[in-house]
Amino acid sequence: MNSKNKLLFSFLFSFLSFLVMDVKAQGNVTLEETGSISTMMEKFVKFNLQNGMVDGYRIQIITTTDRREMDEARKNFLRLFPSLPITWKHIAPNYQVRVGAYWNKNDAISAVHDIRKHFPMSTPVSELIDKKEFLLIESNTK
């Protein structure tokens, strides 16, 4: 997510948080928005509908040329961490297994410590990730 989108998201989140607090305090809310706010919200929604992929991080648990070794690592990971998403790629001649979906590198680094107990070569990697994966992870952790 670039800095312009982060700023817009922060503004909208703050604005909506204020509305929620106001709703809890009074029970009724009347929302009057100017044309510029409506236009900005429409652009925000349109952008997010068109762009399903965002920059994020995953943890790469194995890179190998052996397909059987990759499959075994996937099975072991799913047994140990069933709530985390797992993907794999074949970039000849290597197979890569990547797990999780993290908004930033710090979150991925926090998670990698637990994963390294079972997969010592694990490392955070940057990747384009579908926004839906973040929602799935958040709903699984609640």
N, C-alpha and C. Protein backbone atom coordinates (compact mmCIF):
# COMPACT_ATOMS: atom_id res chain seq x y z
N MET A 1 0.87 -1.16 0.00
CA MET A 1 0.00 0.00 0.00
C MET A 1 0.92 1.22 0.00
N ASN A 2 0.74 2.15 -0.96
CA ASN A 2 1.60 3.31 -0.98
C ASN A 2 1.17 4.32 0.08
N SER A 3 2.00 5.34 0.28
CA SER A 3 1.76 6.29 1.38
C SER A 3 0.47 7.08 1.18
N LYS A 4 0.10 7.36 -0.05
CA LYS A 4 -1.15 8.09 -0.31
C LYS A 4 -2.36 7.27 0.15
N ASN A 5 -2.34 5.98 -0.18
CA ASN A 5 -3.44 5.09 0.21
C ASN A 5 -3.47 4.89 1.72
N LYS A 6 -2.28 4.78 2.33
CA LYS A 6 -2.22 4.62 3.79
C LYS A 6 -2.79 5.85 4.48
N LEU A 7 -2.46 7.04 3.97
CA LEU A 7 -2.97 8.27 4.55
C LEU A 7 -4.49 8.33 4.40
N LEU A 8 -4.98 7.99 3.24
CA LEU A 8 -6.43 8.00 3.00
C LEU A 8 -7.12 6.98 3.91
N PHE A 9 -6.54 5.78 4.02
CA PHE A 9 -7.11 4.76 4.88
C PHE A 9 -7.11 5.23 6.34
N SER A 10 -6.02 5.84 6.79
CA SER A 10 -5.94 6.33 8.17
C SER A 10 -7.00 7.39 8.43
N PHE A 11 -7.17 8.31 7.48
CA PHE A 11 -8.17 9.36 7.62
C PHE A 11 -9.57 8.76 7.74
N LEU A 12 -9.88 7.84 6.83
CA LEU A 12 -11.20 7.23 6.83
C LEU A 12 -11.44 6.40 8.09
N PHE A 13 -10.43 5.68 8.54
CA PHE A 13 -10.56 4.90 9.76
C PHE A 13 -10.80 5.80 10.96
N SER A 14 -10.05 6.90 11.04
CA SER A 14 -10.24 7.84 12.15
C SER A 14 -11.63 8.45 12.11
N PHE A 15 -12.07 8.82 10.92
CA PHE A 15 -13.38 9.44 10.76
C PHE A 15 -14.49 8.47 11.18
N LEU A 16 -14.37 7.21 10.71
CA LEU A 16 -15.39 6.22 11.04
C LEU A 16 -15.34 5.86 12.53
N SER A 17 -14.16 5.83 13.12
CA SER A 17 -14.05 5.57 14.56
C SER A 17 -14.75 6.65 15.36
N PHE A 18 -14.57 7.89 14.92
CA PHE A 18 -15.24 9.01 15.58
C PHE A 18 -16.75 8.84 15.50
N LEU A 19 -17.24 8.43 14.32
CA LEU A 19 -18.69 8.22 14.16
C LEU A 19 -19.20 7.13 15.08
N VAL A 20 -18.45 6.04 15.19
CA VAL A 20 -18.87 4.93 16.04
C VAL A 20 -18.94 5.39 17.49
N MET A 21 -17.94 6.15 17.94
CA MET A 21 -17.96 6.66 19.31
C MET A 21 -19.15 7.57 19.53
N ASP A 22 -19.45 8.39 18.52
CA ASP A 22 -20.58 9.31 18.63
C ASP A 22 -21.90 8.54 18.69
N VAL A 23 -21.99 7.46 17.91
CA VAL A 23 -23.20 6.65 17.90
C VAL A 23 -23.43 6.04 19.28
N LYS A 24 -22.37 5.53 19.90
CA LYS A 24 -22.51 4.91 21.20
C LYS A 24 -22.93 5.93 22.25
N ALA A 25 -22.47 7.16 22.10
CA ALA A 25 -22.76 8.18 23.09
C ALA A 25 -24.19 8.70 22.97
N GLN A 26 -24.70 8.88 21.75
CA GLN A 26 -25.99 9.52 21.59
C GLN A 26 -27.09 8.60 21.07
N GLY A 27 -26.75 7.59 20.33
CA GLY A 27 -27.77 6.69 19.81
C GLY A 27 -28.24 7.08 18.41
N ASN A 28 -28.18 8.34 18.02
CA ASN A 28 -28.61 8.78 16.70
C ASN A 28 -27.47 9.56 16.04
N VAL A 29 -27.32 9.34 14.76
CA VAL A 29 -26.29 10.06 14.01
C VAL A 29 -26.90 10.55 12.71
N THR A 30 -26.65 11.79 12.41
CA THR A 30 -27.02 12.35 11.12
C THR A 30 -25.73 12.67 10.41
N LEU A 31 -25.54 12.07 9.26
CA LEU A 31 -24.31 12.24 8.51
C LEU A 31 -24.57 13.13 7.31
N GLU A 32 -23.92 14.26 7.30
CA GLU A 32 -23.98 15.17 6.16
C GLU A 32 -22.58 15.28 5.61
N GLU A 33 -22.42 14.83 4.38
CA GLU A 33 -21.09 14.89 3.79
C GLU A 33 -21.09 15.83 2.61
N THR A 34 -19.99 16.50 2.46
CA THR A 34 -19.85 17.43 1.33
C THR A 34 -19.57 16.62 0.07
N GLY A 35 -19.67 17.28 -1.05
CA GLY A 35 -19.41 16.62 -2.33
C GLY A 35 -17.99 16.09 -2.42
N SER A 36 -17.02 16.80 -1.83
CA SER A 36 -15.64 16.35 -1.91
C SER A 36 -15.43 15.06 -1.11
N ILE A 37 -16.11 14.92 0.03
CA ILE A 37 -16.01 13.70 0.83
C ILE A 37 -16.64 12.54 0.06
N SER A 38 -17.80 12.78 -0.53
CA SER A 38 -18.46 11.74 -1.32
C SER A 38 -17.57 11.29 -2.48
N THR A 39 -16.97 12.23 -3.16
CA THR A 39 -16.09 11.93 -4.28
C THR A 39 -14.88 11.11 -3.81
N MET A 40 -14.30 11.52 -2.69
CA MET A 40 -13.14 10.81 -2.17
C MET A 40 -13.51 9.38 -1.77
N MET A 41 -14.67 9.21 -1.14
CA MET A 41 -15.12 7.87 -0.75
C MET A 41 -15.38 7.00 -1.99
N GLU A 42 -15.96 7.56 -3.01
CA GLU A 42 -16.22 6.81 -4.24
C GLU A 42 -14.91 6.37 -4.89
N LYS A 43 -13.90 7.25 -4.90
CA LYS A 43 -12.60 6.90 -5.46
C LYS A 43 -11.94 5.80 -4.63
N PHE A 44 -12.06 5.92 -3.31
CA PHE A 44 -11.48 4.93 -2.40
C PHE A 44 -12.10 3.55 -2.64
N VAL A 45 -13.41 3.49 -2.72
CA VAL A 45 -14.11 2.23 -2.96
C VAL A 45 -13.75 1.67 -4.33
N LYS A 46 -13.75 2.50 -5.36
CA LYS A 46 -13.44 2.06 -6.71
C LYS A 46 -12.02 1.50 -6.78
N PHE A 47 -11.06 2.20 -6.18
CA PHE A 47 -9.68 1.75 -6.18
C PHE A 47 -9.57 0.38 -5.52
N ASN A 48 -10.21 0.22 -4.36
CA ASN A 48 -10.09 -1.04 -3.63
C ASN A 48 -10.82 -2.19 -4.31
N LEU A 49 -11.88 -1.90 -5.06
CA LEU A 49 -12.56 -2.95 -5.81
C LEU A 49 -11.71 -3.41 -6.99
N GLN A 50 -10.96 -2.48 -7.59
CA GLN A 50 -10.15 -2.80 -8.75
C GLN A 50 -8.82 -3.46 -8.38
N ASN A 51 -8.31 -3.15 -7.21
CA ASN A 51 -6.98 -3.62 -6.82
C ASN A 51 -7.09 -4.59 -5.65
N GLY A 52 -7.19 -5.87 -5.99
CA GLY A 52 -7.33 -6.89 -4.97
C GLY A 52 -6.02 -7.30 -4.34
N MET A 53 -4.90 -6.94 -4.95
CA MET A 53 -3.60 -7.35 -4.45
C MET A 53 -2.90 -6.18 -3.77
N VAL A 54 -2.23 -6.48 -2.66
CA VAL A 54 -1.47 -5.45 -1.95
C VAL A 54 -0.09 -6.00 -1.59
N ASP A 55 0.86 -5.11 -1.38
CA ASP A 55 2.18 -5.52 -0.92
C ASP A 55 2.07 -6.02 0.50
N GLY A 56 2.63 -7.17 0.75
CA GLY A 56 2.62 -7.75 2.08
C GLY A 56 3.79 -8.69 2.24
N TYR A 57 3.72 -9.50 3.28
CA TYR A 57 4.80 -10.44 3.56
C TYR A 57 4.23 -11.81 3.86
N ARG A 58 5.00 -12.81 3.49
CA ARG A 58 4.75 -14.20 3.85
C ARG A 58 6.05 -14.72 4.47
N ILE A 59 5.96 -15.93 5.01
CA ILE A 59 7.15 -16.57 5.53
C ILE A 59 7.45 -17.77 4.64
N GLN A 60 8.63 -17.76 4.06
CA GLN A 60 9.04 -18.88 3.20
C GLN A 60 9.67 -19.93 4.11
N ILE A 61 9.06 -21.12 4.15
CA ILE A 61 9.55 -22.14 5.08
C ILE A 61 10.52 -23.12 4.43
N ILE A 62 10.49 -23.23 3.10
CA ILE A 62 11.40 -24.16 2.42
C ILE A 62 11.54 -23.76 0.96
N THR A 63 12.75 -23.96 0.44
CA THR A 63 13.03 -23.88 -0.99
C THR A 63 13.80 -25.14 -1.32
N THR A 64 13.29 -25.91 -2.27
CA THR A 64 13.92 -27.19 -2.60
C THR A 64 13.68 -27.53 -4.06
N THR A 65 14.52 -28.38 -4.60
CA THR A 65 14.30 -28.88 -5.96
C THR A 65 13.53 -30.19 -5.95
N ASP A 66 13.29 -30.74 -4.78
CA ASP A 66 12.62 -32.03 -4.62
C ASP A 66 11.14 -31.84 -4.31
N ARG A 67 10.30 -32.24 -5.22
CA ARG A 67 8.85 -32.07 -5.06
C ARG A 67 8.33 -32.82 -3.83
N ARG A 68 8.84 -34.02 -3.58
CA ARG A 68 8.40 -34.80 -2.42
C ARG A 68 8.75 -34.10 -1.11
N GLU A 69 9.92 -33.50 -1.06
CA GLU A 69 10.34 -32.76 0.14
C GLU A 69 9.42 -31.55 0.37
N MET A 70 9.05 -30.88 -0.71
CA MET A 70 8.14 -29.74 -0.62
C MET A 70 6.78 -30.21 -0.11
N ASP A 71 6.25 -31.30 -0.65
CA ASP A 71 4.96 -31.83 -0.20
C ASP A 71 4.99 -32.22 1.27
N GLU A 72 6.08 -32.83 1.71
CA GLU A 72 6.22 -33.23 3.10
C GLU A 72 6.24 -32.00 4.02
N ALA A 73 6.93 -30.96 3.62
CA ALA A 73 6.98 -29.72 4.41
C ALA A 73 5.59 -29.10 4.51
N ARG A 74 4.85 -29.11 3.41
CA ARG A 74 3.47 -28.58 3.42
C ARG A 74 2.60 -29.35 4.39
N LYS A 75 2.66 -30.67 4.33
CA LYS A 75 1.85 -31.51 5.21
C LYS A 75 2.19 -31.25 6.68
N ASN A 76 3.49 -31.20 6.98
CA ASN A 76 3.92 -30.94 8.36
C ASN A 76 3.45 -29.57 8.83
N PHE A 77 3.55 -28.59 7.97
CA PHE A 77 3.14 -27.24 8.36
C PHE A 77 1.64 -27.20 8.65
N LEU A 78 0.86 -27.80 7.78
CA LEU A 78 -0.59 -27.80 7.97
C LEU A 78 -1.00 -28.51 9.27
N ARG A 79 -0.25 -29.53 9.63
CA ARG A 79 -0.52 -30.24 10.87
C ARG A 79 -0.20 -29.36 12.08
N LEU A 80 0.90 -28.60 12.00
CA LEU A 80 1.36 -27.77 13.12
C LEU A 80 0.64 -26.43 13.22
N PHE A 81 0.31 -25.85 12.07
CA PHE A 81 -0.28 -24.51 12.03
C PHE A 81 -1.51 -24.51 11.10
N PRO A 82 -2.58 -25.17 11.50
CA PRO A 82 -3.73 -25.32 10.59
C PRO A 82 -4.46 -24.02 10.26
N SER A 83 -4.30 -22.98 11.07
CA SER A 83 -5.06 -21.75 10.82
C SER A 83 -4.35 -20.80 9.85
N LEU A 84 -3.10 -21.06 9.52
CA LEU A 84 -2.37 -20.17 8.61
C LEU A 84 -2.50 -20.64 7.16
N PRO A 85 -2.71 -19.69 6.24
CA PRO A 85 -2.77 -20.07 4.82
C PRO A 85 -1.39 -20.51 4.33
N ILE A 86 -1.39 -21.38 3.35
CA ILE A 86 -0.13 -21.89 2.81
C ILE A 86 -0.23 -21.89 1.29
N THR A 87 0.83 -21.47 0.64
CA THR A 87 0.90 -21.46 -0.81
C THR A 87 2.24 -22.06 -1.23
N TRP A 88 2.32 -22.47 -2.47
CA TRP A 88 3.60 -22.92 -2.99
C TRP A 88 3.74 -22.49 -4.43
N LYS A 89 4.98 -22.36 -4.85
CA LYS A 89 5.30 -21.94 -6.22
C LYS A 89 6.36 -22.88 -6.78
N HIS A 90 6.30 -23.06 -8.07
CA HIS A 90 7.37 -23.77 -8.75
C HIS A 90 8.04 -22.77 -9.69
N ILE A 91 9.20 -22.33 -9.30
CA ILE A 91 10.01 -21.45 -10.14
C ILE A 91 11.24 -22.29 -10.48
N ALA A 92 11.18 -22.92 -11.66
CA ALA A 92 12.16 -23.94 -12.04
C ALA A 92 13.58 -23.50 -11.72
N PRO A 93 14.34 -24.34 -11.10
CA PRO A 93 14.04 -25.73 -10.72
C PRO A 93 13.53 -25.85 -9.27
N ASN A 94 13.22 -24.73 -8.62
CA ASN A 94 12.89 -24.76 -7.19
C ASN A 94 11.39 -24.76 -6.91
N TYR A 95 11.05 -25.39 -5.80
CA TYR A 95 9.72 -25.32 -5.22
C TYR A 95 9.85 -24.47 -3.96
N GLN A 96 8.95 -23.52 -3.78
CA GLN A 96 8.96 -22.66 -2.60
C GLN A 96 7.62 -22.79 -1.88
N VAL A 97 7.68 -22.96 -0.57
CA VAL A 97 6.48 -23.02 0.24
C VAL A 97 6.47 -21.75 1.09
N ARG A 98 5.37 -21.00 0.98
CA ARG A 98 5.21 -19.75 1.72
C ARG A 98 3.93 -19.80 2.53
N VAL A 99 3.99 -19.22 3.71
CA VAL A 99 2.85 -19.31 4.63
C VAL A 99 2.51 -17.95 5.21
N GLY A 100 1.28 -17.84 5.71
CA GLY A 100 0.82 -16.62 6.36
C GLY A 100 0.53 -15.52 5.36
N ALA A 101 0.08 -14.39 5.89
CA ALA A 101 -0.17 -13.18 5.11
C ALA A 101 -0.09 -12.03 6.12
N TYR A 102 0.93 -11.21 5.98
CA TYR A 102 1.20 -10.16 6.96
C TYR A 102 1.28 -8.81 6.28
N TRP A 103 0.70 -7.81 6.93
CA TRP A 103 0.68 -6.46 6.37
C TRP A 103 2.07 -5.85 6.31
N ASN A 104 2.91 -6.16 7.31
CA ASN A 104 4.23 -5.54 7.34
C ASN A 104 5.27 -6.55 7.80
N LYS A 105 6.53 -6.19 7.61
CA LYS A 105 7.63 -7.10 7.90
C LYS A 105 7.73 -7.40 9.40
N ASN A 106 7.42 -6.42 10.24
CA ASN A 106 7.49 -6.66 11.69
C ASN A 106 6.54 -7.76 12.13
N ASP A 107 5.33 -7.78 11.58
CA ASP A 107 4.38 -8.85 11.91
C ASP A 107 4.91 -10.21 11.45
N ALA A 108 5.51 -10.23 10.26
CA ALA A 108 6.06 -11.49 9.74
C ALA A 108 7.23 -11.96 10.60
N ILE A 109 8.07 -11.03 11.03
CA ILE A 109 9.21 -11.38 11.87
C ILE A 109 8.74 -11.95 13.20
N SER A 110 7.68 -11.37 13.76
CA SER A 110 7.13 -11.89 15.02
C SER A 110 6.66 -13.33 14.85
N ALA A 111 6.01 -13.62 13.74
CA ALA A 111 5.48 -14.96 13.50
C ALA A 111 6.59 -15.96 13.16
N VAL A 112 7.65 -15.50 12.54
CA VAL A 112 8.70 -16.42 12.09
C VAL A 112 9.41 -17.09 13.27
N HIS A 113 9.42 -16.45 14.42
CA HIS A 113 10.10 -17.05 15.57
C HIS A 113 9.45 -18.38 15.97
N ASP A 114 8.13 -18.45 15.98
CA ASP A 114 7.45 -19.71 16.31
C ASP A 114 7.64 -20.76 15.21
N ILE A 115 7.59 -20.30 13.98
CA ILE A 115 7.70 -21.22 12.85
C ILE A 115 9.10 -21.81 12.75
N ARG A 116 10.13 -21.03 13.08
CA ARG A 116 11.51 -21.52 12.99
C ARG A 116 11.80 -22.68 13.94
N LYS A 117 11.00 -22.84 14.97
CA LYS A 117 11.19 -23.98 15.87
C LYS A 117 11.02 -25.30 15.11
N HIS A 118 10.17 -25.28 14.08
CA HIS A 118 9.90 -26.48 13.29
C HIS A 118 10.51 -26.42 11.89
N PHE A 119 10.72 -25.20 11.37
CA PHE A 119 11.29 -25.00 10.04
C PHE A 119 12.41 -23.96 10.16
N PRO A 120 13.61 -24.42 10.50
CA PRO A 120 14.71 -23.50 10.85
C PRO A 120 15.15 -22.55 9.74
N MET A 121 14.87 -22.86 8.49
CA MET A 121 15.29 -21.99 7.39
C MET A 121 14.24 -20.95 7.01
N SER A 122 13.21 -20.81 7.82
CA SER A 122 12.12 -19.87 7.52
C SER A 122 12.62 -18.43 7.50
N THR A 123 12.08 -17.68 6.55
CA THR A 123 12.46 -16.27 6.44
C THR A 123 11.30 -15.46 5.84
N PRO A 124 11.10 -14.22 6.30
CA PRO A 124 10.06 -13.37 5.72
C PRO A 124 10.42 -12.96 4.29
N VAL A 125 9.44 -12.95 3.41
CA VAL A 125 9.64 -12.52 2.02
C VAL A 125 8.50 -11.60 1.60
N SER A 126 8.83 -10.64 0.78
CA SER A 126 7.84 -9.69 0.27
C SER A 126 7.09 -10.33 -0.89
N GLU A 127 5.77 -10.07 -0.94
CA GLU A 127 4.96 -10.67 -2.00
C GLU A 127 3.66 -9.90 -2.16
N LEU A 128 3.10 -9.91 -3.36
CA LEU A 128 1.76 -9.37 -3.56
C LEU A 128 0.76 -10.40 -3.04
N ILE A 129 -0.17 -9.94 -2.19
CA ILE A 129 -1.10 -10.84 -1.53
C ILE A 129 -2.52 -10.32 -1.75
N ASP A 130 -3.42 -11.23 -2.02
CA ASP A 130 -4.83 -10.88 -2.18
C ASP A 130 -5.38 -10.40 -0.84
N LYS A 131 -6.07 -9.26 -0.85
CA LYS A 131 -6.61 -8.68 0.40
C LYS A 131 -7.55 -9.65 1.11
N LYS A 132 -8.20 -10.52 0.38
CA LYS A 132 -9.14 -11.47 0.99
C LYS A 132 -8.43 -12.40 1.97
N GLU A 133 -7.15 -12.69 1.71
CA GLU A 133 -6.41 -13.57 2.62
C GLU A 133 -6.25 -12.94 4.00
N PHE A 134 -6.05 -11.63 4.04
CA PHE A 134 -5.91 -10.94 5.32
C PHE A 134 -7.22 -11.04 6.10
N LEU A 135 -8.34 -10.90 5.41
CA LEU A 135 -9.64 -10.99 6.08
C LEU A 135 -9.87 -12.39 6.62
N LEU A 136 -9.47 -13.41 5.87
CA LEU A 136 -9.63 -14.79 6.33
C LEU A 136 -8.81 -15.05 7.59
N ILE A 137 -7.59 -14.54 7.61
CA ILE A 137 -6.72 -14.74 8.76
C ILE A 137 -7.31 -14.02 9.98
N GLU A 138 -7.75 -12.78 9.77
CA GLU A 138 -8.31 -12.01 10.88
C GLU A 138 -9.57 -12.69 11.43
N SER A 139 -10.39 -13.26 10.57
CA SER A 139 -11.60 -13.92 11.05
C SER A 139 -11.27 -15.23 11.77
N ASN A 140 -10.18 -15.90 11.40
CA ASN A 140 -9.77 -17.13 12.07
C ASN A 140 -9.16 -16.88 13.43
N THR A 141 -8.61 -15.70 13.65
CA THR A 141 -7.95 -15.42 14.93
C THR A 141 -8.92 -14.86 15.97
N LYS A 142 -10.17 -14.57 15.57
CA LYS A 142 -11.14 -14.01 16.52
C LYS A 142 -11.91 -15.10 17.21
